[in-house]
Amino acid sequence: LYNEAFAAEGVTFAQAGLLMRIFAQPGIRQAALSRQLLIEKSALNRDLQLLQRNGWLTDDLRRGLFLTDAGRDLAKRCHKIWKGINQRVRAEVGPE
């Protein structure tokens, strides 16, 4: 359900989650993001490189992770989609 919803934006649910997290924590280091999301560094690195190639993430990953203007716009759209899906899921299956 989530992957289908984000497909129109050209990202997976996991990639949308990364965009939203980096939007909320500009400058976060890759290691800290990996710990927060419980993602192996190598798997995280693959998704970050994809975000960078698509022009959504700055190219200086050593300074920390920052979204480009296009990345911030996409993160905002993803957040709106995520909120809508969560409301739908809660309505269909309940808040638990």
C-alpha atoms as a PDB file:
ATOM      1  CA  LEU A   1       0.000   0.000   0.000  1.00  0.00           C
ATOM      2  CA  TYR A   2       2.704   2.472   0.976  1.00  0.00           C
ATOM      3  CA  ASN A   3       5.020   1.641  -1.923  1.00  0.00           C
ATOM      4  CA  GLU A   4       2.133   2.002  -4.360  1.00  0.00           C
ATOM      5  CA  ALA A   5       1.271   5.423  -2.960  1.00  0.00           C
ATOM      6  CA  PHE A   6       4.836   6.713  -3.259  1.00  0.00           C
ATOM      7  CA  ALA A   7       5.443   5.210  -6.716  1.00  0.00           C
ATOM      8  CA  ALA A   8       3.811   8.243  -8.342  1.00  0.00           C
ATOM      9  CA  GLU A   9       6.588  10.360  -6.816  1.00  0.00           C
ATOM     10  CA  GLY A  10       9.274   7.988  -8.111  1.00  0.00           C
ATOM     11  CA  VAL A  11      10.391   6.724  -4.697  1.00  0.00           C
ATOM     12  CA  THR A  12       9.819   3.698  -2.502  1.00  0.00           C
ATOM     13  CA  PHE A  13       8.360   3.922   0.987  1.00  0.00           C
ATOM     14  CA  ALA A  14      11.868   3.523   2.436  1.00  0.00           C
ATOM     15  CA  GLN A  15      13.270   6.322   0.286  1.00  0.00           C
ATOM     16  CA  ALA A  16      10.338   8.580   1.160  1.00  0.00           C
ATOM     17  CA  GLY A  17      11.040   7.857   4.820  1.00  0.00           C
ATOM     18  CA  LEU A  18      14.665   8.898   4.374  1.00  0.00           C
ATOM     19  CA  LEU A  19      13.641  12.125   2.670  1.00  0.00           C
ATOM     20  CA  MET A  20      11.183  12.967   5.433  1.00  0.00           C
ATOM     21  CA  ARG A  21      13.726  12.146   8.170  1.00  0.00           C
ATOM     22  CA  ILE A  22      16.482  14.241   6.564  1.00  0.00           C
ATOM     23  CA  PHE A  23      13.984  17.075   6.043  1.00  0.00           C
ATOM     24  CA  ALA A  24      13.197  16.985   9.763  1.00  0.00           C
ATOM     25  CA  GLN A  25      16.884  16.739  10.761  1.00  0.00           C
ATOM     26  CA  PRO A  26      19.001  18.657   8.238  1.00  0.00           C
ATOM     27  CA  GLY A  27      22.697  17.933   8.640  1.00  0.00           C
ATOM     28  CA  ILE A  28      22.167  14.548  10.269  1.00  0.00           C
ATOM     29  CA  ARG A  29      25.130  12.243   9.821  1.00  0.00           C
ATOM     30  CA  GLN A  30      24.755   8.994   7.946  1.00  0.00           C
ATOM     31  CA  ALA A  31      25.812   6.927  10.960  1.00  0.00           C
ATOM     32  CA  ALA A  32      23.223   8.622  13.198  1.00  0.00           C
ATOM     33  CA  LEU A  33      20.502   8.092  10.600  1.00  0.00           C
ATOM     34  CA  SER A  34      21.476   4.440  10.311  1.00  0.00           C
ATOM     35  CA  ARG A  35      21.182   4.012  14.090  1.00  0.00           C
ATOM     36  CA  GLN A  36      17.863   5.867  14.312  1.00  0.00           C
ATOM     37  CA  LEU A  37      16.234   3.836  11.562  1.00  0.00           C
ATOM     38  CA  LEU A  38      17.962   0.540  12.432  1.00  0.00           C
ATOM     39  CA  ILE A  39      19.250   0.222   8.862  1.00  0.00           C
ATOM     40  CA  GLU A  40      22.577  -1.315   7.927  1.00  0.00           C
ATOM     41  CA  LYS A  41      25.002   1.353   6.736  1.00  0.00           C
ATOM     42  CA  SER A  42      25.519  -0.353   3.371  1.00  0.00           C
ATOM     43  CA  ALA A  43      21.776  -0.507   2.651  1.00  0.00           C
ATOM     44  CA  LEU A  44      21.349   3.102   3.736  1.00  0.00           C
ATOM     45  CA  ASN A  45      24.267   4.173   1.576  1.00  0.00           C
ATOM     46  CA  ARG A  46      22.649   2.644  -1.542  1.00  0.00           C
ATOM     47  CA  ASP A  47      19.430   4.603  -1.006  1.00  0.00           C
ATOM     48  CA  LEU A  48      21.326   7.810  -0.207  1.00  0.00           C
ATOM     49  CA  GLN A  49      23.348   7.484  -3.398  1.00  0.00           C
ATOM     50  CA  LEU A  50      20.121   7.066  -5.372  1.00  0.00           C
ATOM     51  CA  LEU A  51      18.632  10.171  -3.731  1.00  0.00           C
ATOM     52  CA  GLN A  52      21.813  12.036  -4.571  1.00  0.00           C
ATOM     53  CA  ARG A  53      21.818  10.870  -8.227  1.00  0.00           C
ATOM     54  CA  ASN A  54      18.229  12.050  -8.584  1.00  0.00           C
ATOM     55  CA  GLY A  55      19.185  15.513  -7.354  1.00  0.00           C
ATOM     56  CA  TRP A  56      17.305  15.333  -4.041  1.00  0.00           C
ATOM     57  CA  LEU A  57      20.322  15.164  -1.718  1.00  0.00           C
ATOM     58  CA  THR A  58      23.404  17.391  -1.677  1.00  0.00           C
ATOM     59  CA  ASP A  59      26.608  15.893  -2.985  1.00  0.00           C
ATOM     60  CA  ASP A  60      28.766  16.627   0.067  1.00  0.00           C
ATOM     61  CA  LEU A  61      27.732  13.742   2.307  1.00  0.00           C
ATOM     62  CA  ARG A  62      30.718  14.325   4.620  1.00  0.00           C
ATOM     63  CA  ARG A  63      29.169  17.579   5.928  1.00  0.00           C
ATOM     64  CA  GLY A  64      26.015  15.735   6.891  1.00  0.00           C
ATOM     65  CA  LEU A  65      22.865  15.038   4.948  1.00  0.00           C
ATOM     66  CA  PHE A  66      20.998  17.975   3.420  1.00  0.00           C
ATOM     67  CA  LEU A  67      18.190  17.993   0.901  1.00  0.00           C
ATOM     68  CA  THR A  68      18.271  20.135  -2.196  1.00  0.00           C
ATOM     69  CA  ASP A  69      15.333  22.420  -2.968  1.00  0.00           C
ATOM     70  CA  ALA A  70      13.859  19.639  -5.123  1.00  0.00           C
ATOM     71  CA  GLY A  71      14.459  17.160  -2.293  1.00  0.00           C
ATOM     72  CA  ARG A  72      12.676  19.366   0.224  1.00  0.00           C
ATOM     73  CA  ASP A  73       9.711  19.762  -2.128  1.00  0.00           C
ATOM     74  CA  LEU A  74       9.561  15.989  -2.617  1.00  0.00           C
ATOM     75  CA  ALA A  75       9.831  15.369   1.134  1.00  0.00           C
ATOM     76  CA  LYS A  76       6.854  17.684   1.714  1.00  0.00           C
ATOM     77  CA  ARG A  77       4.787  15.844  -0.913  1.00  0.00           C
ATOM     78  CA  CYS A  78       5.788  12.498   0.600  1.00  0.00           C
ATOM     79  CA  HIS A  79       4.764  13.678   4.061  1.00  0.00           C
ATOM     80  CA  LYS A  80       1.342  14.639   2.752  1.00  0.00           C
ATOM     81  CA  ILE A  81       0.961  11.208   1.111  1.00  0.00           C
ATOM     82  CA  TRP A  82       2.161   9.452   4.292  1.00  0.00           C
ATOM     83  CA  LYS A  83      -0.348  11.326   6.453  1.00  0.00           C
ATOM     84  CA  GLY A  84      -3.186  10.430   4.076  1.00  0.00           C
ATOM     85  CA  ILE A  85      -2.276   6.740   4.028  1.00  0.00           C
ATOM     86  CA  ASN A  86      -1.977   6.612   7.807  1.00  0.00           C
ATOM     87  CA  GLN A  87      -5.438   8.145   8.195  1.00  0.00           C
ATOM     88  CA  ARG A  88      -6.835   5.606   5.735  1.00  0.00           C
ATOM     89  CA  VAL A  89      -5.184   2.662   7.514  1.00  0.00           C
ATOM     90  CA  ARG A  90      -6.416   3.854  10.929  1.00  0.00           C
ATOM     91  CA  ALA A  91      -9.956   4.214   9.542  1.00  0.00           C
ATOM     92  CA  GLU A  92      -9.872   0.709   8.017  1.00  0.00           C
ATOM     93  CA  VAL A  93      -8.098  -1.276  10.736  1.00  0.00           C
ATOM     94  CA  GLY A  94      -8.353   0.886  13.828  1.00  0.00           C
ATOM     95  CA  PRO A  95      -5.825   2.961  15.759  1.00  0.00           C
ATOM     96  CA  GLU A  96      -3.924  -0.008  17.228  1.00  0.00           C
END
